Amino acid sequence: MADWVIVVDDDISNLKIAGHILSRNGMRVTALKSGTALLNYLEKNESPDICLLDIKMPGMDGFQTLKELRKREKPGRFRRS
């Protein structure tokens, strides 16, 4: 089970709901409002156990964010199941 989850969504209500549900189930939750915010966050911090991305976001959508994450991936930085 994941201990640390990053949730990325431009809708604050969705971030609050996801954060509430996940934290009530013992998970550490980081909420971010854009794909760009996620990429910037990961440059300075460790990688989470799992990342939940909204697909439809202004600017960089979830698919573009995932593509950029894969480009930046370093061996051993992200765990794969």
PDB file of N, CA and C in Angstrom:
ATOM      1  N   MET A   1       0.842  -1.183   0.000  1.00  0.00           N
ATOM      2  CA  MET A   1       0.000   0.000   0.000  1.00  0.00           C
ATOM      3  C   MET A   1       0.882   1.240   0.000  1.00  0.00           C
ATOM      4  N   ALA A   2       0.422   2.260  -0.656  1.00  0.00           N
ATOM      5  CA  ALA A   2       1.158   3.516  -0.730  1.00  0.00           C
ATOM      6  C   ALA A   2       1.065   4.265   0.600  1.00  0.00           C
ATOM      7  N   ASP A   3       2.189   4.854   0.995  1.00  0.00           N
ATOM      8  CA  ASP A   3       2.211   5.676   2.207  1.00  0.00           C
ATOM      9  C   ASP A   3       2.094   7.151   1.866  1.00  0.00           C
ATOM     10  N   TRP A   4       2.657   7.545   0.710  1.00  0.00           N
ATOM     11  CA  TRP A   4       2.666   8.949   0.320  1.00  0.00           C
ATOM     12  C   TRP A   4       2.097   9.094  -1.084  1.00  0.00           C
ATOM     13  N   VAL A   5       1.054   9.889  -1.198  1.00  0.00           N
ATOM     14  CA  VAL A   5       0.355  10.101  -2.463  1.00  0.00           C
ATOM     15  C   VAL A   5       0.390  11.587  -2.809  1.00  0.00           C
ATOM     16  N   ILE A   6       0.728  11.892  -4.074  1.00  0.00           N
ATOM     17  CA  ILE A   6       0.582  13.253  -4.572  1.00  0.00           C
ATOM     18  C   ILE A   6      -0.635  13.262  -5.479  1.00  0.00           C
ATOM     19  N   VAL A   7      -1.556  14.174  -5.213  1.00  0.00           N
ATOM     20  CA  VAL A   7      -2.760  14.331  -6.019  1.00  0.00           C
ATOM     21  C   VAL A   7      -2.626  15.640  -6.790  1.00  0.00           C
ATOM     22  N   VAL A   8      -2.807  15.582  -8.109  1.00  0.00           N
ATOM     23  CA  VAL A   8      -2.679  16.767  -8.955  1.00  0.00           C
ATOM     24  C   VAL A   8      -4.007  17.004  -9.668  1.00  0.00           C
ATOM     25  N   ASP A   9      -4.628  18.154  -9.390  1.00  0.00           N
ATOM     26  CA  ASP A   9      -5.922  18.493  -9.994  1.00  0.00           C
ATOM     27  C   ASP A   9      -6.085  20.009  -9.917  1.00  0.00           C
ATOM     28  N   ASP A  10      -6.642  20.584 -10.958  1.00  0.00           N
ATOM     29  CA  ASP A  10      -6.865  22.034 -10.957  1.00  0.00           C
ATOM     30  C   ASP A  10      -8.125  22.418 -10.186  1.00  0.00           C
ATOM     31  N   ASP A  11      -8.938  21.452  -9.820  1.00  0.00           N
ATOM     32  CA  ASP A  11     -10.176  21.706  -9.067  1.00  0.00           C
ATOM     33  C   ASP A  11      -9.905  21.520  -7.570  1.00  0.00           C
ATOM     34  N   ILE A  12      -9.963  22.603  -6.830  1.00  0.00           N
ATOM     35  CA  ILE A  12      -9.650  22.562  -5.403  1.00  0.00           C
ATOM     36  C   ILE A  12     -10.590  21.630  -4.636  1.00  0.00           C
ATOM     37  N   SER A  13     -11.857  21.566  -5.030  1.00  0.00           N
ATOM     38  CA  SER A  13     -12.802  20.652  -4.364  1.00  0.00           C
ATOM     39  C   SER A  13     -12.338  19.207  -4.493  1.00  0.00           C
ATOM     40  N   ASN A  14     -11.880  18.831  -5.686  1.00  0.00           N
ATOM     41  CA  ASN A  14     -11.382  17.467  -5.890  1.00  0.00           C
ATOM     42  C   ASN A  14     -10.150  17.202  -5.038  1.00  0.00           C
ATOM     43  N   LEU A  15      -9.260  18.188  -4.936  1.00  0.00           N
ATOM     44  CA  LEU A  15      -8.065  18.026  -4.100  1.00  0.00           C
ATOM     45  C   LEU A  15      -8.447  17.818  -2.639  1.00  0.00           C
ATOM     46  N   LYS A  16      -9.417  18.596  -2.156  1.00  0.00           N
ATOM     47  CA  LYS A  16      -9.852  18.473  -0.762  1.00  0.00           C
ATOM     48  C   LYS A  16     -10.486  17.117  -0.498  1.00  0.00           C
ATOM     49  N   ILE A  17     -11.354  16.684  -1.390  1.00  0.00           N
ATOM     50  CA  ILE A  17     -12.026  15.385  -1.215  1.00  0.00           C
ATOM     51  C   ILE A  17     -11.014  14.242  -1.239  1.00  0.00           C
ATOM     52  N   ALA A  18     -10.143  14.255  -2.241  1.00  0.00           N
ATOM     53  CA  ALA A  18      -9.128  13.194  -2.343  1.00  0.00           C
ATOM     54  C   ALA A  18      -8.223  13.213  -1.121  1.00  0.00           C
ATOM     55  N   GLY A  19      -7.798  14.388  -0.715  1.00  0.00           N
ATOM     56  CA  GLY A  19      -6.939  14.508   0.462  1.00  0.00           C
ATOM     57  C   GLY A  19      -7.603  13.985   1.719  1.00  0.00           C
ATOM     58  N   HIS A  20      -8.873  14.313   1.882  1.00  0.00           N
ATOM     59  CA  HIS A  20      -9.627  13.852   3.052  1.00  0.00           C
ATOM     60  C   HIS A  20      -9.737  12.326   3.062  1.00  0.00           C
ATOM     61  N   ILE A  21     -10.141  11.750   1.939  1.00  0.00           N
ATOM     62  CA  ILE A  21     -10.320  10.292   1.863  1.00  0.00           C
ATOM     63  C   ILE A  21      -8.997   9.567   2.088  1.00  0.00           C
ATOM     64  N   LEU A  22      -7.958  10.016   1.416  1.00  0.00           N
ATOM     65  CA  LEU A  22      -6.667   9.333   1.517  1.00  0.00           C
ATOM     66  C   LEU A  22      -6.043   9.491   2.904  1.00  0.00           C
ATOM     67  N   SER A  23      -6.102  10.679   3.464  1.00  0.00           N
ATOM     68  CA  SER A  23      -5.501  10.888   4.783  1.00  0.00           C
ATOM     69  C   SER A  23      -6.261  10.137   5.874  1.00  0.00           C
ATOM     70  N   ARG A  24      -7.564  10.009   5.723  1.00  0.00           N
ATOM     71  CA  ARG A  24      -8.345   9.221   6.697  1.00  0.00           C
ATOM     72  C   ARG A  24      -7.974   7.748   6.657  1.00  0.00           C
ATOM     73  N   ASN A  25      -7.359   7.347   5.559  1.00  0.00           N
ATOM     74  CA  ASN A  25      -6.921   5.960   5.422  1.00  0.00           C
ATOM     75  C   ASN A  25      -5.421   5.814   5.674  1.00  0.00           C
ATOM     76  N   GLY A  26      -4.865   6.763   6.404  1.00  0.00           N
ATOM     77  CA  GLY A  26      -3.495   6.662   6.866  1.00  0.00           C
ATOM     78  C   GLY A  26      -2.409   7.060   5.887  1.00  0.00           C
ATOM     79  N   MET A  27      -2.778   7.721   4.817  1.00  0.00           N
ATOM     80  CA  MET A  27      -1.779   8.110   3.831  1.00  0.00           C
ATOM     81  C   MET A  27      -1.374   9.571   3.992  1.00  0.00           C
ATOM     82  N   ARG A  28      -0.130   9.838   3.717  1.00  0.00           N
ATOM     83  CA  ARG A  28       0.375  11.209   3.658  1.00  0.00           C
ATOM     84  C   ARG A  28       0.005  11.733   2.273  1.00  0.00           C
ATOM     85  N   VAL A  29      -0.599  12.909   2.218  1.00  0.00           N
ATOM     86  CA  VAL A  29      -1.097  13.445   0.949  1.00  0.00           C
ATOM     87  C   VAL A  29      -0.495  14.821   0.684  1.00  0.00           C
ATOM     88  N   THR A  30      -0.010  14.993  -0.534  1.00  0.00           N
ATOM     89  CA  THR A  30       0.434  16.292  -1.020  1.00  0.00           C
ATOM     90  C   THR A  30      -0.484  16.652  -2.178  1.00  0.00           C
ATOM     91  N   ALA A  31      -1.093  17.828  -2.132  1.00  0.00           N
ATOM     92  CA  ALA A  31      -2.027  18.270  -3.171  1.00  0.00           C
ATOM     93  C   ALA A  31      -1.384  19.396  -3.975  1.00  0.00           C
ATOM     94  N   LEU A  32      -1.412  19.254  -5.290  1.00  0.00           N
ATOM     95  CA  LEU A  32      -0.859  20.268  -6.184  1.00  0.00           C
ATOM     96  C   LEU A  32      -1.877  20.608  -7.263  1.00  0.00           C
ATOM     97  N   LYS A  33      -1.845  21.862  -7.737  1.00  0.00           N
ATOM     98  CA  LYS A  33      -2.889  22.335  -8.653  1.00  0.00           C
ATOM     99  C   LYS A  33      -2.546  22.273 -10.137  1.00  0.00           C
ATOM    100  N   SER A  34      -1.361  21.781 -10.515  1.00  0.00           N
ATOM    101  CA  SER A  34      -1.031  21.711 -11.938  1.00  0.00           C
ATOM    102  C   SER A  34       0.100  20.725 -12.187  1.00  0.00           C
ATOM    103  N   GLY A  35       0.205  20.307 -13.444  1.00  0.00           N
ATOM    104  CA  GLY A  35       1.313  19.445 -13.834  1.00  0.00           C
ATOM    105  C   GLY A  35       2.645  20.147 -13.666  1.00  0.00           C
ATOM    106  N   THR A  36       2.680  21.420 -13.980  1.00  0.00           N
ATOM    107  CA  THR A  36       3.901  22.207 -13.820  1.00  0.00           C
ATOM    108  C   THR A  36       4.322  22.261 -12.351  1.00  0.00           C
ATOM    109  N   ALA A  37       3.351  22.439 -11.457  1.00  0.00           N
ATOM    110  CA  ALA A  37       3.642  22.452 -10.019  1.00  0.00           C
ATOM    111  C   ALA A  37       4.232  21.111  -9.578  1.00  0.00           C
ATOM    112  N   LEU A  38       3.711  20.010 -10.125  1.00  0.00           N
ATOM    113  CA  LEU A  38       4.238  18.687  -9.797  1.00  0.00           C
ATOM    114  C   LEU A  38       5.689  18.559 -10.248  1.00  0.00           C
ATOM    115  N   LEU A  39       5.968  18.938 -11.479  1.00  0.00           N
ATOM    116  CA  LEU A  39       7.327  18.825 -12.001  1.00  0.00           C
ATOM    117  C   LEU A  39       8.304  19.668 -11.182  1.00  0.00           C
ATOM    118  N   ASN A  40       7.890  20.870 -10.830  1.00  0.00           N
ATOM    119  CA  ASN A  40       8.738  21.735 -10.001  1.00  0.00           C
ATOM    120  C   ASN A  40       8.946  21.132  -8.613  1.00  0.00           C
ATOM    121  N   TYR A  41       7.891  20.572  -8.041  1.00  0.00           N
ATOM    122  CA  TYR A  41       7.960  19.961  -6.717  1.00  0.00           C
ATOM    123  C   TYR A  41       8.944  18.788  -6.720  1.00  0.00           C
ATOM    124  N   LEU A  42       8.863  17.954  -7.750  1.00  0.00           N
ATOM    125  CA  LEU A  42       9.706  16.765  -7.802  1.00  0.00           C
ATOM    126  C   LEU A  42      11.179  17.093  -8.051  1.00  0.00           C
ATOM    127  N   GLU A  43      11.453  18.266  -8.591  1.00  0.00           N
ATOM    128  CA  GLU A  43      12.847  18.687  -8.767  1.00  0.00           C
ATOM    129  C   GLU A  43      13.529  18.899  -7.420  1.00  0.00           C
ATOM    130  N   LYS A  44      12.755  19.267  -6.400  1.00  0.00           N
ATOM    131  CA  LYS A  44      13.305  19.633  -5.102  1.00  0.00           C
ATOM    132  C   LYS A  44      13.020  18.615  -4.007  1.00  0.00           C
ATOM    133  N   ASN A  45      12.179  17.619  -4.295  1.00  0.00           N
ATOM    134  CA  ASN A  45      11.737  16.673  -3.266  1.00  0.00           C
ATOM    135  C   ASN A  45      11.865  15.238  -3.748  1.00  0.00           C
ATOM    136  N   GLU A  46      11.722  14.333  -2.815  1.00  0.00           N
ATOM    137  CA  GLU A  46      11.708  12.906  -3.130  1.00  0.00           C
ATOM    138  C   GLU A  46      10.465  12.564  -3.942  1.00  0.00           C
ATOM    139  N   SER A  47      10.474  11.387  -4.543  1.00  0.00           N
ATOM    140  CA  SER A  47       9.317  10.921  -5.314  1.00  0.00           C
ATOM    141  C   SER A  47       8.320  10.225  -4.395  1.00  0.00           C
ATOM    142  N   PRO A  48       7.017  10.422  -4.649  1.00  0.00           N
ATOM    143  CA  PRO A  48       5.987   9.769  -3.825  1.00  0.00           C
ATOM    144  C   PRO A  48       5.871   8.289  -4.184  1.00  0.00           C
ATOM    145  N   ASP A  49       5.081   7.578  -3.396  1.00  0.00           N
ATOM    146  CA  ASP A  49       4.792   6.183  -3.717  1.00  0.00           C
ATOM    147  C   ASP A  49       3.881   6.091  -4.933  1.00  0.00           C
ATOM    148  N   ILE A  50       2.972   7.052  -5.057  1.00  0.00           N
ATOM    149  CA  ILE A  50       2.042   7.077  -6.187  1.00  0.00           C
ATOM    150  C   ILE A  50       1.624   8.518  -6.446  1.00  0.00           C
ATOM    151  N   CYS A  51       1.288   8.787  -7.693  1.00  0.00           N
ATOM    152  CA  CYS A  51       0.830  10.117  -8.072  1.00  0.00           C
ATOM    153  C   CYS A  51      -0.476   9.966  -8.842  1.00  0.00           C
ATOM    154  N   LEU A  52      -1.499  10.673  -8.413  1.00  0.00           N
ATOM    155  CA  LEU A  52      -2.795  10.664  -9.089  1.00  0.00           C
ATOM    156  C   LEU A  52      -2.917  11.962  -9.883  1.00  0.00           C
ATOM    157  N   LEU A  53      -3.027  11.835 -11.208  1.00  0.00           N
ATOM    158  CA  LEU A  53      -3.085  13.000 -12.091  1.00  0.00           C
ATOM    159  C   LEU A  53      -4.468  13.160 -12.703  1.00  0.00           C
ATOM    160  N   ASP A  54      -5.003  14.370 -12.629  1.00  0.00           N
ATOM    161  CA  ASP A  54      -6.202  14.707 -13.387  1.00  0.00           C
ATOM    162  C   ASP A  54      -5.792  14.741 -14.855  1.00  0.00           C
ATOM    163  N   ILE A  55      -6.672  14.346 -15.735  1.00  0.00           N
ATOM    164  CA  ILE A  55      -6.353  14.360 -17.169  1.00  0.00           C
ATOM    165  C   ILE A  55      -6.580  15.744 -17.756  1.00  0.00           C
ATOM    166  N   LYS A  56      -7.744  16.326 -17.483  1.00  0.00           N
ATOM    167  CA  LYS A  56      -8.096  17.621 -18.079  1.00  0.00           C
ATOM    168  C   LYS A  56      -7.726  18.760 -17.137  1.00  0.00           C
ATOM    169  N   MET A  57      -6.595  19.392 -17.439  1.00  0.00           N
ATOM    170  CA  MET A  57      -6.151  20.554 -16.673  1.00  0.00           C
ATOM    171  C   MET A  57      -5.699  21.607 -17.676  1.00  0.00           C
ATOM    172  N   PRO A  58      -5.858  22.873 -17.325  1.00  0.00           N
ATOM    173  CA  PRO A  58      -5.377  23.917 -18.226  1.00  0.00           C
ATOM    174  C   PRO A  58      -3.850  23.902 -18.290  1.00  0.00           C
ATOM    175  N   GLY A  59      -3.315  24.358 -19.381  1.00  0.00           N
ATOM    176  CA  GLY A  59      -1.860  24.351 -19.548  1.00  0.00           C
ATOM    177  C   GLY A  59      -1.392  22.952 -19.861  1.00  0.00           C
ATOM    178  N   MET A  60      -0.763  22.324 -18.916  1.00  0.00           N
ATOM    179  CA  MET A  60      -0.237  20.966 -19.091  1.00  0.00           C
ATOM    180  C   MET A  60      -1.245  19.963 -18.538  1.00  0.00           C
ATOM    181  N   ASP A  61      -1.819  19.139 -19.430  1.00  0.00           N
ATOM    182  CA  ASP A  61      -2.799  18.148 -18.964  1.00  0.00           C
ATOM    183  C   ASP A  61      -2.077  16.933 -18.372  1.00  0.00           C
ATOM    184  N   GLY A  62      -2.851  15.989 -17.879  1.00  0.00           N
ATOM    185  CA  GLY A  62      -2.276  14.816 -17.225  1.00  0.00           C
ATOM    186  C   GLY A  62      -1.401  13.976 -18.134  1.00  0.00           C
ATOM    187  N   PHE A  63      -1.786  13.830 -19.401  1.00  0.00           N
ATOM    188  CA  PHE A  63      -0.977  13.048 -20.341  1.00  0.00           C
ATOM    189  C   PHE A  63       0.353  13.738 -20.621  1.00  0.00           C
ATOM    190  N   GLN A  64       0.322  15.047 -20.801  1.00  0.00           N
ATOM    191  CA  GLN A  64       1.556  15.799 -21.040  1.00  0.00           C
ATOM    192  C   GLN A  64       2.459  15.749 -19.806  1.00  0.00           C
ATOM    193  N   THR A  65       1.851  15.821 -18.639  1.00  0.00           N
ATOM    194  CA  THR A  65       2.622  15.750 -17.395  1.00  0.00           C
ATOM    195  C   THR A  65       3.322  14.400 -17.282  1.00  0.00           C
ATOM    196  N   LEU A  66       2.599  13.322 -17.548  1.00  0.00           N
ATOM    197  CA  LEU A  66       3.189  11.987 -17.488  1.00  0.00           C
ATOM    198  C   LEU A  66       4.327  11.852 -18.497  1.00  0.00           C
ATOM    199  N   LYS A  67       4.124  12.352 -19.693  1.00  0.00           N
ATOM    200  CA  LYS A  67       5.166  12.299 -20.722  1.00  0.00           C
ATOM    201  C   LYS A  67       6.427  13.023 -20.255  1.00  0.00           C
ATOM    202  N   GLU A  68       6.251  14.187 -19.635  1.00  0.00           N
ATOM    203  CA  GLU A  68       7.393  14.955 -19.129  1.00  0.00           C
ATOM    204  C   GLU A  68       8.056  14.235 -17.950  1.00  0.00           C
ATOM    205  N   LEU A  69       7.255  13.606 -17.095  1.00  0.00           N
ATOM    206  CA  LEU A  69       7.828  12.829 -15.987  1.00  0.00           C
ATOM    207  C   LEU A  69       8.716  11.714 -16.513  1.00  0.00           C
ATOM    208  N   ARG A  70       8.250  11.038 -17.541  1.00  0.00           N
ATOM    209  CA  ARG A  70       9.022   9.940 -18.134  1.00  0.00           C
ATOM    210  C   ARG A  70      10.332  10.443 -18.738  1.00  0.00           C
ATOM    211  N   LYS A  71      10.319  11.611 -19.355  1.00  0.00           N
ATOM    212  CA  LYS A  71      11.547  12.198 -19.928  1.00  0.00           C
ATOM    213  C   LYS A  71      12.571  12.491 -18.840  1.00  0.00           C
ATOM    214  N   ARG A  72      12.073  12.941 -17.686  1.00  0.00           N
ATOM    215  CA  ARG A  72      12.953  13.337 -16.581  1.00  0.00           C
ATOM    216  C   ARG A  72      13.343  12.175 -15.677  1.00  0.00           C
ATOM    217  N   GLU A  73      12.753  11.036 -15.933  1.00  0.00           N
ATOM    218  CA  GLU A  73      12.975   9.880 -15.070  1.00  0.00           C
ATOM    219  C   GLU A  73      14.451   9.497 -15.028  1.00  0.00           C
ATOM    220  N   LYS A  74      14.943   9.276 -13.822  1.00  0.00           N
ATOM    221  CA  LYS A  74      16.310   8.852 -13.606  1.00  0.00           C
ATOM    222  C   LYS A  74      16.272   7.423 -13.081  1.00  0.00           C
ATOM    223  N   PRO A  75      17.234   6.610 -13.444  1.00  0.00           N
ATOM    224  CA  PRO A  75      17.243   5.220 -12.937  1.00  0.00           C
ATOM    225  C   PRO A  75      17.166   5.205 -11.416  1.00  0.00           C
ATOM    226  N   GLY A  76      16.223   4.424 -10.898  1.00  0.00           N
ATOM    227  CA  GLY A  76      16.065   4.283  -9.460  1.00  0.00           C
ATOM    228  C   GLY A  76      15.287   5.397  -8.778  1.00  0.00           C
ATOM    229  N   ARG A  77      14.945   6.466  -9.507  1.00  0.00           N
ATOM    230  CA  ARG A  77      14.224   7.576  -8.875  1.00  0.00           C
ATOM    231  C   ARG A  77      12.756   7.241  -8.656  1.00  0.00           C
ATOM    232  N   PHE A  78      12.131   6.657  -9.666  1.00  0.00           N
ATOM    233  CA  PHE A  78      10.723   6.278  -9.557  1.00  0.00           C
ATOM    234  C   PHE A  78      10.636   4.767  -9.505  1.00  0.00           C
ATOM    235  N   ARG A  79       9.862   4.279  -8.552  1.00  0.00           N
ATOM    236  CA  ARG A  79       9.661   2.839  -8.437  1.00  0.00           C
ATOM    237  C   ARG A  79       8.600   2.393  -9.424  1.00  0.00           C
ATOM    238  N   ARG A  80       8.783   1.226  -9.977  1.00  0.00           N
ATOM    239  CA  ARG A  80       7.773   0.655 -10.872  1.00  0.00           C
ATOM    240  C   ARG A  80       7.289  -0.659 -10.260  1.00  0.00           C
ATOM    241  N   SER A  81       6.003  -0.873 -10.357  1.00  0.00           N
ATOM    242  CA  SER A  81       5.435  -2.119  -9.819  1.00  0.00           C
ATOM    243  C   SER A  81       5.456  -3.194 -10.867  1.00  0.00           C
TER     244      SER A  81
END
